[in-house]
C-alpha atoms as a PDB file:
ATOM      1  CA  MET A   1       0.000   0.000   0.000  1.00  0.00           C
ATOM      2  CA  THR A   2       1.345   3.393  -0.969  1.00  0.00           C
ATOM      3  CA  ALA A   3       1.721   5.930   1.837  1.00  0.00           C
ATOM      4  CA  ALA A   4       2.712   9.573   1.943  1.00  0.00           C
ATOM      5  CA  ILE A   5       5.981   9.350   3.864  1.00  0.00           C
ATOM      6  CA  SER A   6       8.056  12.278   5.084  1.00  0.00           C
ATOM      7  CA  LEU A   7      11.760  11.605   4.676  1.00  0.00           C
ATOM      8  CA  PRO A   8      13.534  13.545   7.440  1.00  0.00           C
ATOM      9  CA  LEU A   9      16.835  15.360   7.092  1.00  0.00           C
ATOM     10  CA  ARG A  10      18.329  15.003  10.561  1.00  0.00           C
ATOM     11  CA  ILE A  11      21.329  16.320  12.375  1.00  0.00           C
ATOM     12  CA  GLY A  12      21.485  14.004  15.361  1.00  0.00           C
ATOM     13  CA  ALA A  13      17.996  14.016  16.877  1.00  0.00           C
ATOM     14  CA  ARG A  14      17.055  17.320  15.238  1.00  0.00           C
ATOM     15  CA  THR A  15      14.946  17.238  12.090  1.00  0.00           C
ATOM     16  CA  VAL A  16      15.843  20.271   9.982  1.00  0.00           C
ATOM     17  CA  TRP A  17      13.653  19.485   6.959  1.00  0.00           C
ATOM     18  CA  ARG A  18      11.313  16.870   5.533  1.00  0.00           C
ATOM     19  CA  ILE A  19      10.731  15.723   1.981  1.00  0.00           C
ATOM     20  CA  ASP A  20       7.452  13.990   1.128  1.00  0.00           C
ATOM     21  CA  ARG A  21       7.288  11.060  -1.269  1.00  0.00           C
ATOM     22  CA  ARG A  22       4.655   8.438  -2.099  1.00  0.00           C
ATOM     23  CA  LEU A  23       6.311   5.218  -1.024  1.00  0.00           C
ATOM     24  CA  VAL A  24       5.500   1.601  -0.299  1.00  0.00           C
ATOM     25  CA  PRO A  25       6.949   0.896   3.179  1.00  0.00           C
ATOM     26  CA  VAL A  26       8.559  -2.483   3.821  1.00  0.00           C
ATOM     27  CA  SER A  27       9.862  -3.339   7.297  1.00  0.00           C
ATOM     28  CA  ILE A  28      12.094  -6.315   8.052  1.00  0.00           C
ATOM     29  CA  SER A  29      11.371  -8.101  11.316  1.00  0.00           C
ATOM     30  CA  LEU A  30      14.264  -8.982  13.565  1.00  0.00           C
ATOM     31  CA  GLY A  31      13.585 -12.691  13.141  1.00  0.00           C
ATOM     32  CA  ASP A  32      13.654 -12.445   9.333  1.00  0.00           C
ATOM     33  CA  GLY A  33      16.758 -10.275   9.511  1.00  0.00           C
ATOM     34  CA  LEU A  34      18.626 -12.805  11.640  1.00  0.00           C
ATOM     35  CA  ARG A  35      17.576 -15.613   9.288  1.00  0.00           C
ATOM     36  CA  GLY A  36      18.842 -13.599   6.307  1.00  0.00           C
ATOM     37  CA  ALA A  37      15.524 -13.954   4.515  1.00  0.00           C
ATOM     38  CA  PRO A  38      15.292 -11.539   1.532  1.00  0.00           C
ATOM     39  CA  PRO A  39      12.202  -9.318   1.692  1.00  0.00           C
ATOM     40  CA  VAL A  40       9.353  -9.978  -0.713  1.00  0.00           C
ATOM     41  CA  LEU A  41       8.522  -6.612  -2.263  1.00  0.00           C
ATOM     42  CA  PRO A  42       4.833  -6.108  -3.008  1.00  0.00           C
ATOM     43  CA  PRO A  43       3.808  -4.838  -6.449  1.00  0.00           C
ATOM     44  CA  LEU A  44       4.617  -1.159  -6.935  1.00  0.00           C
ATOM     45  CA  PRO A  45       1.493   0.898  -7.699  1.00  0.00           C
ATOM     46  CA  ARG A  46       1.680   3.241 -10.668  1.00  0.00           C
ATOM     47  CA  GLU A  47       1.357   6.339  -8.469  1.00  0.00           C
ATOM     48  CA  ALA A  48       4.161   5.304  -6.089  1.00  0.00           C
ATOM     49  CA  ASP A  49       7.606   6.898  -6.173  1.00  0.00           C
ATOM     50  CA  GLY A  50       9.215   3.699  -4.935  1.00  0.00           C
ATOM     51  CA  TYR A  51       9.901   1.625  -1.825  1.00  0.00           C
ATOM     52  CA  LEU A  52      11.246   2.497   1.603  1.00  0.00           C
ATOM     53  CA  ILE A  53      12.800  -0.667   3.054  1.00  0.00           C
ATOM     54  CA  ARG A  54      13.583  -0.324   6.746  1.00  0.00           C
ATOM     55  CA  ALA A  55      16.047  -2.457   8.722  1.00  0.00           C
ATOM     56  CA  LEU A  56      17.311  -4.341   5.684  1.00  0.00           C
ATOM     57  CA  PRO A  57      20.294  -6.525   6.664  1.00  0.00           C
ATOM     58  CA  ALA A  58      23.341  -4.961   5.010  1.00  0.00           C
ATOM     59  CA  ALA A  59      24.347  -8.392   3.708  1.00  0.00           C
ATOM     60  CA  LEU A  60      21.193  -8.388   1.529  1.00  0.00           C
ATOM     61  CA  LEU A  61      21.704  -4.913   0.069  1.00  0.00           C
ATOM     62  CA  ALA A  62      23.283  -6.028  -3.217  1.00  0.00           C
ATOM     63  CA  LEU A  63      20.717  -8.815  -3.686  1.00  0.00           C
ATOM     64  CA  VAL A  64      17.717  -6.529  -3.144  1.00  0.00           C
ATOM     65  CA  THR A  65      19.155  -3.772  -5.330  1.00  0.00           C
ATOM     66  CA  ALA A  66      19.854  -6.219  -8.149  1.00  0.00           C
ATOM     67  CA  SER A  67      16.308  -7.593  -7.926  1.00  0.00           C
ATOM     68  CA  ARG A  68      14.892  -4.229  -9.081  1.00  0.00           C
ATOM     69  CA  PRO A  69      17.271  -2.829 -11.734  1.00  0.00           C
ATOM     70  CA  ASP A  70      14.472  -0.530 -12.930  1.00  0.00           C
ATOM     71  CA  LEU A  71      14.673   1.453  -9.666  1.00  0.00           C
ATOM     72  CA  ARG A  72      17.472   3.645  -8.304  1.00  0.00           C
ATOM     73  CA  PRO A  73      18.865   2.715  -4.865  1.00  0.00           C
ATOM     74  CA  PHE A  74      19.726   5.276  -2.193  1.00  0.00           C
ATOM     75  CA  VAL A  75      20.898   4.163   1.265  1.00  0.00           C
ATOM     76  CA  ARG A  76      19.538   6.555   3.892  1.00  0.00           C
ATOM     77  CA  GLN A  77      21.460   5.274   6.879  1.00  0.00           C
ATOM     78  CA  ARG A  78      23.566   2.400   8.132  1.00  0.00           C
ATOM     79  CA  TYR A  79      23.262   1.288  11.718  1.00  0.00           C
ATOM     80  CA  GLN A  80      23.551  -1.521  14.220  1.00  0.00           C
ATOM     81  CA  ARG A  81      20.269  -3.139  15.223  1.00  0.00           C
ATOM     82  CA  SER A  82      20.808  -4.343  18.776  1.00  0.00           C
ATOM     83  CA  TYR A  83      18.873  -7.248  20.267  1.00  0.00           C
ATOM     84  CA  ALA A  84      18.890  -9.625  23.209  1.00  0.00           C
ATOM     85  CA  SER A  85      18.066 -13.313  23.296  1.00  0.00           C
ATOM     86  CA  LEU A  86      15.517 -14.186  25.983  1.00  0.00           C
ATOM     87  CA  GLU A  87      15.937 -17.952  25.717  1.00  0.00           C
ATOM     88  CA  ASP A  88      18.931 -18.779  27.910  1.00  0.00           C
ATOM     89  CA  GLY A  89      17.611 -17.656  31.284  1.00  0.00           C
ATOM     90  CA  PHE A  90      18.429 -14.642  33.416  1.00  0.00           C
ATOM     91  CA  ASP A  91      21.433 -16.130  35.208  1.00  0.00           C
ATOM     92  CA  ALA A  92      23.167 -16.898  31.899  1.00  0.00           C
ATOM     93  CA  TYR A  93      22.194 -13.488  30.573  1.00  0.00           C
ATOM     94  CA  LEU A  94      23.681 -11.715  33.583  1.00  0.00           C
ATOM     95  CA  ALA A  95      26.811 -13.852  33.348  1.00  0.00           C
ATOM     96  CA  SER A  96      27.383 -12.506  29.823  1.00  0.00           C
ATOM     97  CA  PHE A  97      28.066  -9.049  31.308  1.00  0.00           C
ATOM     98  CA  SER A  98      31.579  -8.128  32.362  1.00  0.00           C
ATOM     99  CA  GLY A  99      32.396  -8.387  36.058  1.00  0.00           C
ATOM    100  CA  LYS A 100      32.536  -4.600  36.287  1.00  0.00           C
ATOM    101  CA  SER A 101      29.127  -4.223  34.627  1.00  0.00           C
ATOM    102  CA  ARG A 102      27.542  -6.813  36.927  1.00  0.00           C
ATOM    103  CA  SER A 103      28.961  -5.034  39.951  1.00  0.00           C
ATOM    104  CA  THR A 104      27.656  -1.682  38.702  1.00  0.00           C
ATOM    105  CA  LEU A 105      24.185  -3.059  38.034  1.00  0.00           C
ATOM    106  CA  LYS A 106      23.972  -4.689  41.460  1.00  0.00           C
ATOM    107  CA  ARG A 107      25.054  -1.439  43.088  1.00  0.00           C
ATOM    108  CA  LYS A 108      22.333   0.477  41.222  1.00  0.00           C
ATOM    109  CA  LEU A 109      19.713  -2.085  42.205  1.00  0.00           C
ATOM    110  CA  ARG A 110      20.786  -1.905  45.840  1.00  0.00           C
ATOM    111  CA  LYS A 111      20.871   1.896  45.888  1.00  0.00           C
ATOM    112  CA  LEU A 112      17.360   2.248  44.510  1.00  0.00           C
ATOM    113  CA  ALA A 113      16.018  -0.529  46.741  1.00  0.00           C
ATOM    114  CA  GLU A 114      17.402   1.300  49.779  1.00  0.00           C
ATOM    115  CA  ARG A 115      15.668   4.488  48.620  1.00  0.00           C
ATOM    116  CA  SER A 116      12.447   2.466  48.260  1.00  0.00           C
ATOM    117  CA  GLY A 117      12.491   1.094  51.795  1.00  0.00           C
ATOM    118  CA  GLY A 118      14.418  -2.092  51.097  1.00  0.00           C
ATOM    119  CA  ILE A 119      12.585  -3.503  48.060  1.00  0.00           C
ATOM    120  CA  LEU A 120      12.036  -2.551  44.444  1.00  0.00           C
ATOM    121  CA  ASP A 121       8.420  -1.756  43.581  1.00  0.00           C
ATOM    122  CA  ILE A 122       8.109  -2.834  39.939  1.00  0.00           C
ATOM    123  CA  ARG A 123       4.722  -3.636  38.436  1.00  0.00           C
ATOM    124  CA  SER A 124       4.111  -5.341  35.094  1.00  0.00           C
ATOM    125  CA  PHE A 125       1.101  -4.869  32.821  1.00  0.00           C
ATOM    126  CA  ARG A 126      -0.185  -7.087  30.040  1.00  0.00           C
ATOM    127  CA  ALA A 127      -3.985  -7.458  30.319  1.00  0.00           C
ATOM    128  CA  PRO A 128      -6.513  -5.203  28.520  1.00  0.00           C
ATOM    129  CA  GLU A 129      -8.042  -4.140  31.847  1.00  0.00           C
ATOM    130  CA  ASP A 130      -4.615  -2.942  33.027  1.00  0.00           C
ATOM    131  CA  VAL A 131      -3.928  -0.676  30.046  1.00  0.00           C
ATOM    132  CA  ASP A 132      -5.664   2.479  31.246  1.00  0.00           C
ATOM    133  CA  ALA A 133      -3.820   2.489  34.588  1.00  0.00           C
ATOM    134  CA  PHE A 134      -0.499   1.751  32.915  1.00  0.00           C
ATOM    135  CA  HIS A 135      -0.959   4.417  30.258  1.00  0.00           C
ATOM    136  CA  ARG A 136      -2.038   7.060  32.778  1.00  0.00           C
ATOM    137  CA  ASP A 137       0.958   6.542  35.035  1.00  0.00           C
ATOM    138  CA  ALA A 138       3.417   6.033  32.187  1.00  0.00           C
ATOM    139  CA  ARG A 139       2.219   9.225  30.504  1.00  0.00           C
ATOM    140  CA  GLY A 140       2.805  11.096  33.773  1.00  0.00           C
ATOM    141  CA  VAL A 141       6.416   9.927  33.780  1.00  0.00           C
ATOM    142  CA  SER A 142       6.868  10.478  30.052  1.00  0.00           C
ATOM    143  CA  ALA A 143       5.785  14.112  30.294  1.00  0.00           C
ATOM    144  CA  LYS A 144       8.692  14.759  32.688  1.00  0.00           C
ATOM    145  CA  SER A 145      11.290  12.718  30.799  1.00  0.00           C
ATOM    146  CA  TYR A 146      14.031  14.162  28.618  1.00  0.00           C
ATOM    147  CA  GLN A 147      12.975  11.699  25.909  1.00  0.00           C
ATOM    148  CA  GLU A 148       9.741  13.652  25.508  1.00  0.00           C
ATOM    149  CA  ARG A 149      10.893  17.159  26.409  1.00  0.00           C
ATOM    150  CA  LEU A 150      14.074  17.208  24.330  1.00  0.00           C
ATOM    151  CA  LEU A 151      13.623  14.481  21.728  1.00  0.00           C
ATOM    152  CA  ALA A 152       9.824  14.531  21.216  1.00  0.00           C
ATOM    153  CA  ASP A 153       9.909  10.756  21.718  1.00  0.00           C
ATOM    154  CA  GLY A 154       7.511  10.239  24.575  1.00  0.00           C
ATOM    155  CA  LEU A 155       4.762   7.676  25.017  1.00  0.00           C
ATOM    156  CA  PRO A 156       1.886   8.589  22.643  1.00  0.00           C
ATOM    157  CA  ASP A 157      -1.146  10.155  24.298  1.00  0.00           C
ATOM    158  CA  GLY A 158      -4.846  10.040  23.494  1.00  0.00           C
ATOM    159  CA  GLU A 159      -7.597   7.489  23.020  1.00  0.00           C
ATOM    160  CA  GLU A 160      -6.150   6.149  19.772  1.00  0.00           C
ATOM    161  CA  ALA A 161      -2.918   5.231  21.555  1.00  0.00           C
ATOM    162  CA  THR A 162      -4.709   3.511  24.445  1.00  0.00           C
ATOM    163  CA  ALA A 163      -7.061   1.713  22.034  1.00  0.00           C
ATOM    164  CA  GLU A 164      -4.091   0.273  20.158  1.00  0.00           C
ATOM    165  CA  MET A 165      -2.501  -0.754  23.457  1.00  0.00           C
ATOM    166  CA  ARG A 166      -5.730  -2.483  24.555  1.00  0.00           C
ATOM    167  CA  ASP A 167      -5.931  -4.318  21.238  1.00  0.00           C
ATOM    168  CA  ARG A 168      -2.353  -5.520  21.638  1.00  0.00           C
ATOM    169  CA  ALA A 169      -2.995  -6.582  25.215  1.00  0.00           C
ATOM    170  CA  GLY A 170      -6.015  -8.567  24.052  1.00  0.00           C
ATOM    171  CA  ARG A 171      -3.707 -10.435  21.631  1.00  0.00           C
ATOM    172  CA  ASP A 172      -0.961 -10.890  24.238  1.00  0.00           C
ATOM    173  CA  ALA A 173       1.203  -8.617  22.066  1.00  0.00           C
ATOM    174  CA  MET A 174       2.519  -6.042  24.542  1.00  0.00           C
ATOM    175  CA  ARG A 175       4.235  -5.694  27.866  1.00  0.00           C
ATOM    176  CA  GLY A 176       4.509  -2.665  30.120  1.00  0.00           C
ATOM    177  CA  TRP A 177       6.410  -2.015  33.324  1.00  0.00           C
ATOM    178  CA  LEU A 178       6.349   0.773  35.893  1.00  0.00           C
ATOM    179  CA  LEU A 179       8.865   1.464  38.640  1.00  0.00           C
ATOM    180  CA  PHE A 180       7.501   3.134  41.780  1.00  0.00           C
ATOM    181  CA  VAL A 181       9.114   4.917  44.710  1.00  0.00           C
ATOM    182  CA  ASP A 182       6.849   5.775  47.654  1.00  0.00           C
ATOM    183  CA  ASP A 183       3.910   4.604  45.501  1.00  0.00           C
ATOM    184  CA  VAL A 184       4.756   7.247  42.855  1.00  0.00           C
ATOM    185  CA  PRO A 185       5.769   6.100  39.339  1.00  0.00           C
ATOM    186  CA  ILE A 186       9.279   7.261  38.392  1.00  0.00           C
ATOM    187  CA  SER A 187      10.087   5.165  35.291  1.00  0.00           C
ATOM    188  CA  TYR A 188       8.203   3.243  32.612  1.00  0.00           C
ATOM    189  CA  LEU A 189       8.981   0.832  29.778  1.00  0.00           C
ATOM    190  CA  TYR A 190       6.579  -0.062  26.982  1.00  0.00           C
ATOM    191  CA  ALA A 191       7.280  -2.872  24.517  1.00  0.00           C
ATOM    192  CA  PRO A 192       4.821  -4.000  21.823  1.00  0.00           C
ATOM    193  CA  ALA A 193       5.335  -7.414  20.256  1.00  0.00           C
ATOM    194  CA  GLU A 194       5.599  -8.870  16.779  1.00  0.00           C
ATOM    195  CA  GLY A 195       5.246 -12.623  17.065  1.00  0.00           C
ATOM    196  CA  ASP A 196       7.846 -13.872  19.523  1.00  0.00           C
ATOM    197  CA  THR A 197       9.795 -10.592  19.502  1.00  0.00           C
ATOM    198  CA  LEU A 198       9.263  -7.680  21.887  1.00  0.00           C
ATOM    199  CA  ILE A 199      10.219  -4.254  20.571  1.00  0.00           C
ATOM    200  CA  TYR A 200      11.882  -1.547  22.646  1.00  0.00           C
ATOM    201  CA  ALA A 201       9.442   1.253  21.892  1.00  0.00           C
ATOM    202  CA  HIS A 202       9.398   3.751  24.788  1.00  0.00           C
ATOM    203  CA  LEU A 203      11.352   4.118  28.009  1.00  0.00           C
ATOM    204  CA  GLY A 204      11.495   7.184  30.238  1.00  0.00           C
ATOM    205  CA  TYR A 205      12.111   8.287  33.791  1.00  0.00           C
ATOM    206  CA  ASP A 206      11.555  11.216  36.106  1.00  0.00           C
ATOM    207  CA  PRO A 207      14.788  13.279  36.003  1.00  0.00           C
ATOM    208  CA  ALA A 208      14.383  14.059  39.714  1.00  0.00           C
ATOM    209  CA  PHE A 209      15.491  10.445  40.321  1.00  0.00           C
ATOM    210  CA  SER A 210      18.294  10.319  37.746  1.00  0.00           C
ATOM    211  CA  GLU A 211      20.955   9.663  40.415  1.00  0.00           C
ATOM    212  CA  PHE A 212      19.296   6.276  41.003  1.00  0.00           C
ATOM    213  CA  SER A 213      19.477   5.191  37.317  1.00  0.00           C
ATOM    214  CA  PRO A 214      15.787   4.197  37.255  1.00  0.00           C
ATOM    215  CA  GLY A 215      15.718   3.426  33.517  1.00  0.00           C
ATOM    216  CA  THR A 216      18.628   1.019  33.847  1.00  0.00           C
ATOM    217  CA  VAL A 217      17.111  -0.685  36.894  1.00  0.00           C
ATOM    218  CA  LEU A 218      13.724  -1.045  35.209  1.00  0.00           C
ATOM    219  CA  GLN A 219      15.225  -2.484  32.018  1.00  0.00           C
ATOM    220  CA  LEU A 220      17.217  -5.066  33.940  1.00  0.00           C
ATOM    221  CA  GLU A 221      14.203  -6.157  35.978  1.00  0.00           C
ATOM    222  CA  ALA A 222      12.048  -6.287  32.835  1.00  0.00           C
ATOM    223  CA  MET A 223      14.612  -8.656  31.283  1.00  0.00           C
ATOM    224  CA  ARG A 224      14.497 -10.797  34.428  1.00  0.00           C
ATOM    225  CA  ASP A 225      10.700 -10.860  34.219  1.00  0.00           C
ATOM    226  CA  LEU A 226      10.676 -11.815  30.524  1.00  0.00           C
ATOM    227  CA  MET A 227      13.237 -14.572  30.880  1.00  0.00           C
ATOM    228  CA  GLY A 228      11.269 -16.046  33.756  1.00  0.00           C
ATOM    229  CA  GLU A 229       8.044 -15.869  31.757  1.00  0.00           C
ATOM    230  CA  GLY A 230       9.383 -17.600  28.634  1.00  0.00           C
ATOM    231  CA  ARG A 231       6.737 -16.174  26.290  1.00  0.00           C
ATOM    232  CA  PHE A 232       9.102 -14.261  23.984  1.00  0.00           C
ATOM    233  CA  ARG A 233      12.299 -15.286  22.204  1.00  0.00           C
ATOM    234  CA  LEU A 234      13.914 -11.932  21.351  1.00  0.00           C
ATOM    235  CA  PHE A 235      14.006  -8.350  22.609  1.00  0.00           C
ATOM    236  CA  ASP A 236      14.579  -5.949  19.718  1.00  0.00           C
ATOM    237  CA  PHE A 237      16.360  -2.770  20.823  1.00  0.00           C
ATOM    238  CA  THR A 238      15.969  -1.467  17.234  1.00  0.00           C
ATOM    239  CA  GLU A 239      18.395   0.952  15.600  1.00  0.00           C
ATOM    240  CA  GLY A 240      20.907   3.208  17.292  1.00  0.00           C
ATOM    241  CA  ASP A 241      24.136   2.956  19.184  1.00  0.00           C
ATOM    242  CA  GLY A 242      23.139   4.251  22.610  1.00  0.00           C
ATOM    243  CA  GLN A 243      24.831   3.040  25.767  1.00  0.00           C
ATOM    244  CA  HIS A 244      21.571   1.535  27.053  1.00  0.00           C
ATOM    245  CA  LYS A 245      21.233  -0.700  23.983  1.00  0.00           C
ATOM    246  CA  ARG A 246      24.889  -1.701  24.017  1.00  0.00           C
ATOM    247  CA  GLN A 247      24.627  -2.574  27.698  1.00  0.00           C
ATOM    248  CA  PHE A 248      21.559  -4.797  27.506  1.00  0.00           C
ATOM    249  CA  GLY A 249      21.901  -6.276  24.018  1.00  0.00           C
ATOM    250  CA  THR A 250      23.509  -9.665  23.402  1.00  0.00           C
ATOM    251  CA  GLY A 251      24.033  -9.201  19.657  1.00  0.00           C
ATOM    252  CA  THR A 252      23.820  -6.769  16.752  1.00  0.00           C
ATOM    253  CA  LEU A 253      22.732  -6.922  13.122  1.00  0.00           C
ATOM    254  CA  GLU A 254      24.224  -4.535  10.568  1.00  0.00           C
ATOM    255  CA  CYS A 255      21.293  -2.857   8.792  1.00  0.00           C
ATOM    256  CA  VAL A 256      20.444  -0.148   6.279  1.00  0.00           C
ATOM    257  CA  ASP A 257      17.362   1.856   5.418  1.00  0.00           C
ATOM    258  CA  LEU A 258      17.053   1.693   1.637  1.00  0.00           C
ATOM    259  CA  LEU A 259      15.121   3.846  -0.809  1.00  0.00           C
ATOM    260  CA  LEU A 260      14.354   2.278  -4.193  1.00  0.00           C
ATOM    261  CA  LEU A 261      13.014   5.115  -6.327  1.00  0.00           C
ATOM    262  CA  GLN A 262      11.438   5.405  -9.734  1.00  0.00           C
ATOM    263  CA  PRO A 263      14.036   7.133 -11.993  1.00  0.00           C
ATOM    264  CA  THR A 264      12.105  10.363 -12.513  1.00  0.00           C
ATOM    265  CA  LEU A 265      13.994  13.650 -12.480  1.00  0.00           C
ATOM    266  CA  ALA A 266      12.361  14.752  -9.210  1.00  0.00           C
ATOM    267  CA  ASN A 267      13.116  11.444  -7.496  1.00  0.00           C
ATOM    268  CA  LEU A 268      16.732  11.410  -8.661  1.00  0.00           C
ATOM    269  CA  LEU A 269      17.279  14.979  -7.454  1.00  0.00           C
ATOM    270  CA  ILE A 270      15.745  14.111  -4.089  1.00  0.00           C
ATOM    271  CA  GLY A 271      17.720  10.891  -3.777  1.00  0.00           C
ATOM    272  CA  HIS A 272      21.048  12.573  -4.501  1.00  0.00           C
ATOM    273  CA  ALA A 273      20.201  15.487  -2.177  1.00  0.00           C
ATOM    274  CA  LEU A 274      19.419  13.070   0.666  1.00  0.00           C
ATOM    275  CA  ARG A 275      22.637  11.153  -0.002  1.00  0.00           C
ATOM    276  CA  ALA A 276      24.703  14.339   0.044  1.00  0.00           C
ATOM    277  CA  PHE A 277      23.078  15.591   3.246  1.00  0.00           C
ATOM    278  CA  ASP A 278      23.448  12.268   5.068  1.00  0.00           C
ATOM    279  CA  GLY A 279      27.062  12.025   3.923  1.00  0.00           C
ATOM    280  CA  ALA A 280      27.866  15.525   5.191  1.00  0.00           C
ATOM    281  CA  VAL A 281      26.353  14.763   8.618  1.00  0.00           C
ATOM    282  CA  ALA A 282      28.277  11.477   8.859  1.00  0.00           C
ATOM    283  CA  LEU A 283      31.514  13.247   7.900  1.00  0.00           C
ATOM    284  CA  ALA A 284      30.937  15.959  10.531  1.00  0.00           C
ATOM    285  CA  LYS A 285      30.441  13.282  13.202  1.00  0.00           C
ATOM    286  CA  ALA A 286      33.597  11.447  12.166  1.00  0.00           C
ATOM    287  CA  VAL A 287      35.691  14.623  12.133  1.00  0.00           C
ATOM    288  CA  ALA A 288      34.377  15.680  15.540  1.00  0.00           C
ATOM    289  CA  ALA A 289      35.167  12.245  16.996  1.00  0.00           C
ATOM    290  CA  ARG A 290      38.687  12.144  15.497  1.00  0.00           C
ATOM    291  CA  ARG A 291      39.542  15.591  16.829  1.00  0.00           C
ATOM    292  CA  GLY A 292      38.412  14.733  20.330  1.00  0.00           C
ATOM    293  CA  LEU A 293      35.401  17.054  20.309  1.00  0.00           C
ATOM    294  CA  GLU A 294      33.489  14.611  22.459  1.00  0.00           C
ATOM    295  CA  ARG A 295      30.797  16.973  23.636  1.00  0.00           C
ATOM    296  CA  LEU A 296      30.041  18.061  20.067  1.00  0.00           C
ATOM    297  CA  ALA A 297      30.080  14.458  18.855  1.00  0.00           C
ATOM    298  CA  ARG A 298      27.597  13.430  21.560  1.00  0.00           C
ATOM    299  CA  SER A 299      25.284  16.299  20.695  1.00  0.00           C
ATOM    300  CA  LEU A 300      25.341  15.252  17.041  1.00  0.00           C
ATOM    301  CA  LEU A 301      24.658  11.634  17.881  1.00  0.00           C
ATOM    302  CA  ARG A 302      21.676  12.406  20.132  1.00  0.00           C
END
């Protein structure tokens, strides 16, 4: 199905411009990506400008490009897709961390438990009747979080968002967690599911409790919960190279987002403009990193 898709021009987390095209979106699931299964592209409607293939394993790039020689390929971005296996049990998972990381995590758990009166108050949500309470409290945390205030990446609000969450809960296709201190929510994690894979969609915390690393504590306890439950096989941390994903992931998959465009003059101009812009941003990041401008590099990467 063709959709009007805005292609963002981003510098780090900042979107400086958008270009609209009529594209057929194709997303590769983590399971298919790990199996190396080539995507099956649906027929391209006459009115479409092309395809936008998200999370295509880089190893399949040449194969997919060669399969449509009538279209012009433009790689939007290359990135690591981090994931964690949920099949080996929590003890084995924790053992995969370095000794220093395990010590740090235990210290953070202990510190927050002490602040909470000796125990961690973490509540999980999965049933349709639990969605409204979860969404209300999670939205309260999200509104305070830097993810929403600075990155515009908070938990979606409104009846449409809660209706989708209820539908997923009714199909056993979501999990939510809240971390409380003194019966007040301070961090949330929301993960919808595709088959046997949970997707890292939204995590946030109240910055007033940042010294206690609530997001890290909640993620670790969510992994413990999932591995004890045994319902899901993979946790997809999606794209990006953040510390949180590196810390909790057990593997990575090299991916690209690929545009396959009809060779019209407008599409070719747009494709080359996007390539030039993305290349300039990548070069600026590399130069900043090489010259030791760490603060600038971090601001570009966020």
